[in-house]
PDB file of N, CA and C in Angstrom:
ATOM      1  N   UNK A   1      35.240  86.162 117.624  1.00  0.00           N
ATOM      2  CA  UNK A   1      36.550  85.626 117.364  1.00  0.00           C
ATOM      3  C   UNK A   1      36.597  84.181 117.855  1.00  0.00           C
ATOM      4  N   UNK A   2      37.028  83.267 116.996  1.00  0.00           N
ATOM      5  CA  UNK A   2      37.128  81.851 117.326  1.00  0.00           C
ATOM      6  C   UNK A   2      38.539  81.360 117.053  1.00  0.00           C
ATOM      7  N   UNK A   3      38.893  80.276 117.691  1.00  0.00           N
ATOM      8  CA  UNK A   3      40.164  79.615 117.447  1.00  0.00           C
ATOM      9  C   UNK A   3      39.863  78.325 116.705  1.00  0.00           C
ATOM     10  N   UNK A   4      40.273  78.249 115.429  1.00  0.00           N
ATOM     11  CA  UNK A   4      39.950  77.085 114.595  1.00  0.00           C
ATOM     12  C   UNK A   4      41.208  76.535 113.947  1.00  0.00           C
ATOM     13  N   UNK A   5      41.141  75.268 113.564  1.00  0.00           N
ATOM     14  CA  UNK A   5      42.253  74.624 112.865  1.00  0.00           C
ATOM     15  C   UNK A   5      42.231  75.023 111.397  1.00  0.00           C
ATOM     16  N   UNK A   6      43.408  75.373 110.883  1.00  0.00           N
ATOM     17  CA  UNK A   6      43.515  75.767 109.492  1.00  0.00           C
ATOM     18  C   UNK A   6      44.626  74.976 108.831  1.00  0.00           C
ATOM     19  N   UNK A   7      44.414  74.673 107.579  1.00  0.00           N
ATOM     20  CA  UNK A   7      45.449  74.060 106.757  1.00  0.00           C
ATOM     21  C   UNK A   7      45.250  74.614 105.362  1.00  0.00           C
ATOM     22  N   UNK A   8      45.983  75.665 105.026  1.00  0.00           N
ATOM     23  CA  UNK A   8      45.726  76.380 103.781  1.00  0.00           C
ATOM     24  C   UNK A   8      46.589  75.858 102.646  1.00  0.00           C
ATOM     25  N   UNK A   9      46.221  74.695 102.153  1.00  0.00           N
ATOM     26  CA  UNK A   9      46.895  74.155 100.964  1.00  0.00           C
ATOM     27  C   UNK A   9      46.235  74.697  99.706  1.00  0.00           C
ATOM     28  N   UNK A  10      44.984  75.120  99.825  1.00  0.00           N
ATOM     29  CA  UNK A  10      44.258  75.785  98.753  1.00  0.00           C
ATOM     30  C   UNK A  10      43.618  77.028  99.349  1.00  0.00           C
ATOM     31  N   UNK A  11      43.236  77.972  98.491  1.00  0.00           N
ATOM     32  CA  UNK A  11      42.623  79.197  98.997  1.00  0.00           C
ATOM     33  C   UNK A  11      41.593  79.728  98.017  1.00  0.00           C
ATOM     34  N   UNK A  12      40.540  80.309  98.556  1.00  0.00           N
ATOM     35  CA  UNK A  12      39.549  81.021  97.754  1.00  0.00           C
ATOM     36  C   UNK A  12      40.139  82.396  97.466  1.00  0.00           C
ATOM     37  N   UNK A  13      40.094  82.814  96.197  1.00  0.00           N
ATOM     38  CA  UNK A  13      40.722  84.082  95.828  1.00  0.00           C
ATOM     39  C   UNK A  13      39.730  85.165  95.427  1.00  0.00           C
ATOM     40  N   UNK A  14      38.455  84.802  95.218  1.00  0.00           N
ATOM     41  CA  UNK A  14      37.451  85.809  94.893  1.00  0.00           C
ATOM     42  C   UNK A  14      36.105  85.375  95.453  1.00  0.00           C
ATOM     43  N   UNK A  15      35.256  86.345  95.721  1.00  0.00           N
ATOM     44  CA  UNK A  15      33.940  86.080  96.312  1.00  0.00           C
ATOM     45  C   UNK A  15      32.926  85.945  95.178  1.00  0.00           C
ATOM     46  N   UNK A  16      32.251  84.781  95.084  1.00  0.00           N
ATOM     47  CA  UNK A  16      31.245  84.602  94.036  1.00  0.00           C
ATOM     48  C   UNK A  16      30.032  85.509  94.267  1.00  0.00           C
ATOM     49  N   UNK A  17      29.309  85.785  93.215  1.00  0.00           N
ATOM     50  CA  UNK A  17      28.084  86.588  93.312  1.00  0.00           C
ATOM     51  C   UNK A  17      27.123  85.933  94.297  1.00  0.00           C
ATOM     52  N   UNK A  18      26.491  86.726  95.118  1.00  0.00           N
ATOM     53  CA  UNK A  18      25.514  86.224  96.074  1.00  0.00           C
ATOM     54  C   UNK A  18      26.109  85.799  97.404  1.00  0.00           C
ATOM     55  N   UNK A  19      27.412  85.922  97.574  1.00  0.00           N
ATOM     56  CA  UNK A  19      28.086  85.539  98.821  1.00  0.00           C
ATOM     57  C   UNK A  19      28.785  86.753  99.422  1.00  0.00           C
ATOM     58  N   UNK A  20      29.073  86.686 100.716  1.00  0.00           N
ATOM     59  CA  UNK A  20      29.898  87.689 101.377  1.00  0.00           C
ATOM     60  C   UNK A  20      30.873  86.974 102.317  1.00  0.00           C
ATOM     61  N   UNK A  21      31.974  87.642 102.607  1.00  0.00           N
ATOM     62  CA  UNK A  21      32.998  87.081 103.494  1.00  0.00           C
ATOM     63  C   UNK A  21      32.484  87.139 104.930  1.00  0.00           C
ATOM     64  N   UNK A  22      32.521  85.986 105.609  1.00  0.00           N
ATOM     65  CA  UNK A  22      32.101  85.938 107.019  1.00  0.00           C
ATOM     66  C   UNK A  22      33.255  85.591 107.943  1.00  0.00           C
ATOM     67  N   UNK A  23      34.412  85.231 107.375  1.00  0.00           N
ATOM     68  CA  UNK A  23      35.565  84.886 108.203  1.00  0.00           C
ATOM     69  C   UNK A  23      36.849  85.234 107.467  1.00  0.00           C
ATOM     70  N   UNK A  24      37.804  85.758 108.219  1.00  0.00           N
ATOM     71  CA  UNK A  24      39.126  86.047 107.694  1.00  0.00           C
ATOM     72  C   UNK A  24      40.161  85.531 108.691  1.00  0.00           C
ATOM     73  N   UNK A  25      41.391  85.440 108.246  1.00  0.00           N
ATOM     74  CA  UNK A  25      42.479  85.057 109.147  1.00  0.00           C
ATOM     75  C   UNK A  25      43.742  85.784 108.714  1.00  0.00           C
ATOM     76  N   UNK A  26      44.772  85.655 109.509  1.00  0.00           N
ATOM     77  CA  UNK A  26      46.047  86.282 109.165  1.00  0.00           C
ATOM     78  C   UNK A  26      46.633  85.675 107.894  1.00  0.00           C
ATOM     79  N   UNK A  27      46.303  84.414 107.603  1.00  0.00           N
ATOM     80  CA  UNK A  27      46.873  83.725 106.450  1.00  0.00           C
ATOM     81  C   UNK A  27      46.157  84.035 105.143  1.00  0.00           C
ATOM     82  N   UNK A  28      44.833  84.151 105.183  1.00  0.00           N
ATOM     83  CA  UNK A  28      44.058  84.377 103.965  1.00  0.00           C
ATOM     84  C   UNK A  28      42.935  85.368 104.237  1.00  0.00           C
ATOM     85  N   UNK A  29      42.613  86.163 103.219  1.00  0.00           N
ATOM     86  CA  UNK A  29      41.564  87.176 103.368  1.00  0.00           C
ATOM     87  C   UNK A  29      40.170  86.562 103.355  1.00  0.00           C
ATOM     88  N   UNK A  30      40.004  85.451 102.640  1.00  0.00           N
ATOM     89  CA  UNK A  30      38.693  84.805 102.538  1.00  0.00           C
ATOM     90  C   UNK A  30      38.783  83.441 103.209  1.00  0.00           C
ATOM     91  N   UNK A  31      38.411  83.385 104.474  1.00  0.00           N
ATOM     92  CA  UNK A  31      38.478  82.134 105.234  1.00  0.00           C
ATOM     93  C   UNK A  31      37.104  81.490 105.392  1.00  0.00           C
ATOM     94  N   UNK A  32      36.062  82.262 105.108  1.00  0.00           N
ATOM     95  CA  UNK A  32      34.709  81.728 105.187  1.00  0.00           C
ATOM     96  C   UNK A  32      33.757  82.597 104.400  1.00  0.00           C
ATOM     97  N   UNK A  33      32.811  81.952 103.723  1.00  0.00           N
ATOM     98  CA  UNK A  33      31.802  82.645 102.930  1.00  0.00           C
ATOM     99  C   UNK A  33      30.416  82.248 103.413  1.00  0.00           C
ATOM    100  N   UNK A  34      29.464  83.167 103.236  1.00  0.00           N
ATOM    101  CA  UNK A  34      28.066  82.881 103.551  1.00  0.00           C
ATOM    102  C   UNK A  34      27.222  83.448 102.422  1.00  0.00           C
ATOM    103  N   UNK A  35      26.220  82.674 102.004  1.00  0.00           N
ATOM    104  CA  UNK A  35      25.325  83.146 100.949  1.00  0.00           C
ATOM    105  C   UNK A  35      24.427  84.235 101.496  1.00  0.00           C
ATOM    106  N   UNK A  36      24.105  85.203 100.665  1.00  0.00           N
ATOM    107  CA  UNK A  36      23.288  86.337 101.100  1.00  0.00           C
ATOM    108  C   UNK A  36      21.850  85.965 101.424  1.00  0.00           C
ATOM    109  N   UNK A  37      21.307  84.926 100.793  1.00  0.00           N
ATOM    110  CA  UNK A  37      19.897  84.587 101.004  1.00  0.00           C
ATOM    111  C   UNK A  37      19.668  83.124 101.409  1.00  0.00           C
ATOM    112  N   UNK A  38      20.546  82.232 100.999  1.00  0.00           N
ATOM    113  CA  UNK A  38      20.367  80.808 101.273  1.00  0.00           C
ATOM    114  C   UNK A  38      21.199  80.380 102.483  1.00  0.00           C
ATOM    115  N   UNK A  39      20.814  79.295 103.152  1.00  0.00           N
ATOM    116  CA  UNK A  39      21.608  78.808 104.289  1.00  0.00           C
ATOM    117  C   UNK A  39      22.819  78.006 103.814  1.00  0.00           C
ATOM    118  N   UNK A  40      23.750  78.691 103.157  1.00  0.00           N
ATOM    119  CA  UNK A  40      24.940  78.043 102.589  1.00  0.00           C
ATOM    120  C   UNK A  40      26.182  78.722 103.160  1.00  0.00           C
ATOM    121  N   UNK A  41      27.085  77.923 103.726  1.00  0.00           N
ATOM    122  CA  UNK A  41      28.360  78.405 104.256  1.00  0.00           C
ATOM    123  C   UNK A  41      29.486  77.691 103.532  1.00  0.00           C
ATOM    124  N   UNK A  42      30.615  78.327 103.488  1.00  0.00           N
ATOM    125  CA  UNK A  42      31.838  77.707 102.996  1.00  0.00           C
ATOM    126  C   UNK A  42      32.955  78.125 103.937  1.00  0.00           C
ATOM    127  N   UNK A  43      33.676  77.158 104.480  1.00  0.00           N
ATOM    128  CA  UNK A  43      34.758  77.457 105.408  1.00  0.00           C
ATOM    129  C   UNK A  43      36.069  76.883 104.894  1.00  0.00           C
ATOM    130  N   UNK A  44      37.143  77.653 104.992  1.00  0.00           N
ATOM    131  CA  UNK A  44      38.474  77.165 104.683  1.00  0.00           C
ATOM    132  C   UNK A  44      39.072  76.436 105.882  1.00  0.00           C
ATOM    133  N   UNK A  45      38.528  76.690 107.052  1.00  0.00           N
ATOM    134  CA  UNK A  45      38.994  76.021 108.263  1.00  0.00           C
ATOM    135  C   UNK A  45      38.424  74.615 108.318  1.00  0.00           C
ATOM    136  N   UNK A  46      38.777  73.881 109.343  1.00  0.00           N
ATOM    137  CA  UNK A  46      38.283  72.514 109.512  1.00  0.00           C
ATOM    138  C   UNK A  46      37.601  72.378 110.870  1.00  0.00           C
ATOM    139  N   UNK A  47      36.340  72.859 110.995  1.00  0.00           N
ATOM    140  CA  UNK A  47      35.660  72.757 112.291  1.00  0.00           C
ATOM    141  C   UNK A  47      35.386  71.311 112.694  1.00  0.00           C
ATOM    142  N   UNK A  48      35.394  70.411 111.745  1.00  0.00           N
ATOM    143  CA  UNK A  48      35.108  68.995 112.015  1.00  0.00           C
ATOM    144  C   UNK A  48      36.346  68.226 112.464  1.00  0.00           C
ATOM    145  N   UNK A  49      37.481  68.892 112.522  1.00  0.00           N
ATOM    146  CA  UNK A  49      38.763  68.225 112.770  1.00  0.00           C
ATOM    147  C   UNK A  49      38.830  67.526 114.126  1.00  0.00           C
ATOM    148  N   UNK A  50      39.565  66.437 114.124  1.00  0.00           N
ATOM    149  CA  UNK A  50      39.908  65.692 115.335  1.00  0.00           C
ATOM    150  C   UNK A  50      41.419  65.493 115.320  1.00  0.00           C
ATOM    151  N   UNK A  51      41.971  64.979 116.390  1.00  0.00           N
ATOM    152  CA  UNK A  51      43.414  64.714 116.390  1.00  0.00           C
ATOM    153  C   UNK A  51      43.757  63.673 115.325  1.00  0.00           C
ATOM    154  N   UNK A  52      42.855  62.731 115.053  1.00  0.00           N
ATOM    155  CA  UNK A  52      43.071  61.751 113.979  1.00  0.00           C
ATOM    156  C   UNK A  52      43.153  62.416 112.612  1.00  0.00           C
ATOM    157  N   UNK A  53      42.301  63.409 112.387  1.00  0.00           N
ATOM    158  CA  UNK A  53      42.338  64.171 111.133  1.00  0.00           C
ATOM    159  C   UNK A  53      43.701  64.834 110.958  1.00  0.00           C
ATOM    160  N   UNK A  54      44.192  65.462 112.035  1.00  0.00           N
ATOM    161  CA  UNK A  54      45.498  66.118 111.956  1.00  0.00           C
ATOM    162  C   UNK A  54      46.594  65.117 111.610  1.00  0.00           C
ATOM    163  N   UNK A  55      46.571  63.979 112.267  1.00  0.00           N
ATOM    164  CA  UNK A  55      47.588  62.955 112.011  1.00  0.00           C
ATOM    165  C   UNK A  55      47.514  62.464 110.565  1.00  0.00           C
ATOM    166  N   UNK A  56      46.294  62.206 110.069  1.00  0.00           N
ATOM    167  CA  UNK A  56      46.126  61.714 108.699  1.00  0.00           C
ATOM    168  C   UNK A  56      46.567  62.731 107.656  1.00  0.00           C
ATOM    169  N   UNK A  57      46.410  64.013 107.953  1.00  0.00           N
ATOM    170  CA  UNK A  57      46.780  65.072 107.021  1.00  0.00           C
ATOM    171  C   UNK A  57      48.228  65.520 107.178  1.00  0.00           C
ATOM    172  N   UNK A  58      48.910  65.000 108.187  1.00  0.00           N
ATOM    173  CA  UNK A  58      50.286  65.413 108.430  1.00  0.00           C
ATOM    174  C   UNK A  58      50.392  66.842 108.925  1.00  0.00           C
ATOM    175  N   UNK A  59      49.352  67.305 109.643  1.00  0.00           N
ATOM    176  CA  UNK A  59      49.338  68.667 110.170  1.00  0.00           C
ATOM    177  C   UNK A  59      49.875  68.642 111.591  1.00  0.00           C
ATOM    178  N   UNK A  60      50.925  69.429 111.826  1.00  0.00           N
ATOM    179  CA  UNK A  60      51.482  69.537 113.167  1.00  0.00           C
ATOM    180  C   UNK A  60      50.798  70.707 113.864  1.00  0.00           C
ATOM    181  N   UNK A  61      50.143  70.433 114.957  1.00  0.00           N
ATOM    182  CA  UNK A  61      49.422  71.479 115.680  1.00  0.00           C
ATOM    183  C   UNK A  61      50.266  71.990 116.838  1.00  0.00           C
ATOM    184  N   UNK A  62      50.181  73.270 117.055  1.00  0.00           N
ATOM    185  CA  UNK A  62      50.813  73.884 118.220  1.00  0.00           C
ATOM    186  C   UNK A  62      49.683  74.266 119.155  1.00  0.00           C
ATOM    187  N   UNK A  63      49.666  73.651 120.329  1.00  0.00           N
ATOM    188  CA  UNK A  63      48.514  73.813 121.223  1.00  0.00           C
ATOM    189  C   UNK A  63      48.655  74.966 122.180  1.00  0.00           C
ATOM    190  N   UNK A  64      49.834  75.485 122.380  1.00  0.00           N
ATOM    191  CA  UNK A  64      50.005  76.592 123.320  1.00  0.00           C
ATOM    192  C   UNK A  64      51.034  77.558 122.775  1.00  0.00           C
ATOM    193  N   UNK A  65      50.802  78.828 122.977  1.00  0.00           N
ATOM    194  CA  UNK A  65      51.776  79.833 122.553  1.00  0.00           C
ATOM    195  C   UNK A  65      53.002  79.803 123.472  1.00  0.00           C
ATOM    196  N   UNK A  66      52.820  79.364 124.695  1.00  0.00           N
ATOM    197  CA  UNK A  66      53.886  79.313 125.691  1.00  0.00           C
ATOM    198  C   UNK A  66      54.492  77.909 125.692  1.00  0.00           C
ATOM    199  N   UNK A  67      55.749  77.733 125.249  1.00  0.00           N
ATOM    200  CA  UNK A  67      56.343  76.397 125.183  1.00  0.00           C
ATOM    201  C   UNK A  67      56.512  75.731 126.548  1.00  0.00           C
ATOM    202  N   UNK A  68      56.416  76.497 127.624  1.00  0.00           N
ATOM    203  CA  UNK A  68      56.533  75.907 128.963  1.00  0.00           C
ATOM    204  C   UNK A  68      55.175  75.475 129.520  1.00  0.00           C
ATOM    205  N   UNK A  69      54.102  75.775 128.776  1.00  0.00           N
ATOM    206  CA  UNK A  69      52.758  75.406 129.243  1.00  0.00           C
ATOM    207  C   UNK A  69      52.611  73.888 129.227  1.00  0.00           C
ATOM    208  N   UNK A  70      51.802  73.335 130.132  1.00  0.00           N
ATOM    209  CA  UNK A  70      51.607  71.885 130.127  1.00  0.00           C
ATOM    210  C   UNK A  70      50.901  71.420 128.852  1.00  0.00           C
ATOM    211  N   UNK A  71      51.241  70.233 128.395  1.00  0.00           N
ATOM    212  CA  UNK A  71      50.606  69.663 127.216  1.00  0.00           C
ATOM    213  C   UNK A  71      49.192  69.233 127.603  1.00  0.00           C
ATOM    214  N   UNK A  72      48.219  69.603 126.779  1.00  0.00           N
ATOM    215  CA  UNK A  72      46.834  69.231 127.054  1.00  0.00           C
ATOM    216  C   UNK A  72      46.352  68.271 125.979  1.00  0.00           C
ATOM    217  N   UNK A  73      45.295  67.564 126.278  1.00  0.00           N
ATOM    218  CA  UNK A  73      44.698  66.681 125.283  1.00  0.00           C
ATOM    219  C   UNK A  73      44.187  67.540 124.130  1.00  0.00           C
ATOM    220  N   UNK A  74      44.511  67.191 122.882  1.00  0.00           N
ATOM    221  CA  UNK A  74      44.098  68.023 121.745  1.00  0.00           C
ATOM    222  C   UNK A  74      42.606  68.342 121.734  1.00  0.00           C
ATOM    223  N   UNK A  75      41.745  67.369 122.010  1.00  0.00           N
ATOM    224  CA  UNK A  75      40.305  67.611 121.935  1.00  0.00           C
ATOM    225  C   UNK A  75      39.812  68.596 122.993  1.00  0.00           C
ATOM    226  N   UNK A  76      40.624  68.892 124.001  1.00  0.00           N
ATOM    227  CA  UNK A  76      40.208  69.889 124.988  1.00  0.00           C
ATOM    228  C   UNK A  76      40.714  71.281 124.629  1.00  0.00           C
ATOM    229  N   UNK A  77      41.430  71.403 123.517  1.00  0.00           N
ATOM    230  CA  UNK A  77      41.940  72.710 123.115  1.00  0.00           C
ATOM    231  C   UNK A  77      40.806  73.552 122.535  1.00  0.00           C
ATOM    232  N   UNK A  78      40.931  74.874 122.597  1.00  0.00           N
ATOM    233  CA  UNK A  78      39.901  75.745 122.015  1.00  0.00           C
ATOM    234  C   UNK A  78      39.699  75.508 120.525  1.00  0.00           C
ATOM    235  N   UNK A  79      40.749  75.073 119.806  1.00  0.00           N
ATOM    236  CA  UNK A  79      40.622  74.829 118.369  1.00  0.00           C
ATOM    237  C   UNK A  79      39.530  73.800 118.088  1.00  0.00           C
ATOM    238  N   UNK A  80      39.543  72.706 118.828  1.00  0.00           N
ATOM    239  CA  UNK A  80      38.536  71.665 118.638  1.00  0.00           C
ATOM    240  C   UNK A  80      37.189  72.097 119.210  1.00  0.00           C
ATOM    241  N   UNK A  81      37.185  72.694 120.391  1.00  0.00           N
ATOM    242  CA  UNK A  81      35.924  73.082 121.028  1.00  0.00           C
ATOM    243  C   UNK A  81      35.182  74.121 120.186  1.00  0.00           C
ATOM    244  N   UNK A  82      35.883  75.138 119.683  1.00  0.00           N
ATOM    245  CA  UNK A  82      35.230  76.131 118.842  1.00  0.00           C
ATOM    246  C   UNK A  82      34.741  75.512 117.532  1.00  0.00           C
ATOM    247  N   UNK A  83      35.550  74.637 116.950  1.00  0.00           N
ATOM    248  CA  UNK A  83      35.151  73.990 115.703  1.00  0.00           C
ATOM    249  C   UNK A  83      33.911  73.144 115.864  1.00  0.00           C
ATOM    250  N   UNK A  84      33.886  72.323 116.911  1.00  0.00           N
ATOM    251  CA  UNK A  84      32.706  71.486 117.129  1.00  0.00           C
ATOM    252  C   UNK A  84      31.493  72.324 117.508  1.00  0.00           C
ATOM    253  N   UNK A  85      31.709  73.496 118.106  1.00  0.00           N
ATOM    254  CA  UNK A  85      30.600  74.420 118.361  1.00  0.00           C
ATOM    255  C   UNK A  85      29.973  74.891 117.059  1.00  0.00           C
ATOM    256  N   UNK A  86      30.802  75.168 116.054  1.00  0.00           N
ATOM    257  CA  UNK A  86      30.288  75.561 114.732  1.00  0.00           C
ATOM    258  C   UNK A  86      29.501  74.416 114.110  1.00  0.00           C
ATOM    259  N   UNK A  87      30.041  73.207 114.183  1.00  0.00           N
ATOM    260  CA  UNK A  87      29.343  72.048 113.612  1.00  0.00           C
ATOM    261  C   UNK A  87      27.987  71.873 114.300  1.00  0.00           C
ATOM    262  N   UNK A  88      27.952  71.973 115.626  1.00  0.00           N
ATOM    263  CA  UNK A  88      26.694  71.814 116.361  1.00  0.00           C
ATOM    264  C   UNK A  88      25.700  72.907 115.981  1.00  0.00           C
ATOM    265  N   UNK A  89      26.166  74.135 115.862  1.00  0.00           N
ATOM    266  CA  UNK A  89      25.295  75.243 115.455  1.00  0.00           C
ATOM    267  C   UNK A  89      24.707  74.978 114.068  1.00  0.00           C
ATOM    268  N   UNK A  90      25.549  74.519 113.147  1.00  0.00           N
ATOM    269  CA  UNK A  90      25.074  74.203 111.796  1.00  0.00           C
ATOM    270  C   UNK A  90      24.003  73.112 111.847  1.00  0.00           C
ATOM    271  N   UNK A  91      24.256  72.050 112.609  1.00  0.00           N
ATOM    272  CA  UNK A  91      23.281  70.952 112.693  1.00  0.00           C
ATOM    273  C   UNK A  91      21.962  71.429 113.318  1.00  0.00           C
ATOM    274  N   UNK A  92      22.034  72.276 114.328  1.00  0.00           N
ATOM    275  CA  UNK A  92      20.825  72.801 114.937  1.00  0.00           C
ATOM    276  C   UNK A  92      20.048  73.666 113.957  1.00  0.00           C
ATOM    277  N   UNK A  93      20.745  74.480 113.167  1.00  0.00           N
ATOM    278  CA  UNK A  93      20.074  75.309 112.156  1.00  0.00           C
ATOM    279  C   UNK A  93      19.461  74.437 111.072  1.00  0.00           C
ATOM    280  N   UNK A  94      20.150  73.371 110.681  1.00  0.00           N
ATOM    281  CA  UNK A  94      19.638  72.495 109.624  1.00  0.00           C
ATOM    282  C   UNK A  94      18.341  71.816 110.059  1.00  0.00           C
ATOM    283  N   UNK A  95      18.208  71.518 111.344  1.00  0.00           N
ATOM    284  CA  UNK A  95      16.972  70.890 111.854  1.00  0.00           C
ATOM    285  C   UNK A  95      15.779  71.824 111.721  1.00  0.00           C
ATOM    286  N   UNK A  96      16.013  73.125 111.728  1.00  0.00           N
ATOM    287  CA  UNK A  96      14.946  74.102 111.668  1.00  0.00           C
ATOM    288  C   UNK A  96      14.442  74.328 110.243  1.00  0.00           C
ATOM    289  N   UNK A  97      15.192  73.912 109.245  1.00  0.00           N
ATOM    290  CA  UNK A  97      14.814  74.167 107.847  1.00  0.00           C
ATOM    291  C   UNK A  97      13.809  73.177 107.335  1.00  0.00           C
TER     292      UNK A  97
END
């Protein structure tokens, strides 16, 4: 389970042949796809996101479920940390190919 930034202005509605669902969310059933044999991923989330990306897209982020919690720097939130972990994992796998 990861905490990632989502902005569902578009959605995948069916799984293409040769792919399987690797991620779901409360908003959409198909949040990520992975090819059955090739190193190909498709994500509806934005693991590459930064606070600048959010501002440019007009996405308002809620950083804490508790409104009395202290405000933290966006890049230290789990949304960014988990997303950049995915990007790093992808880059490490790509080096091995």
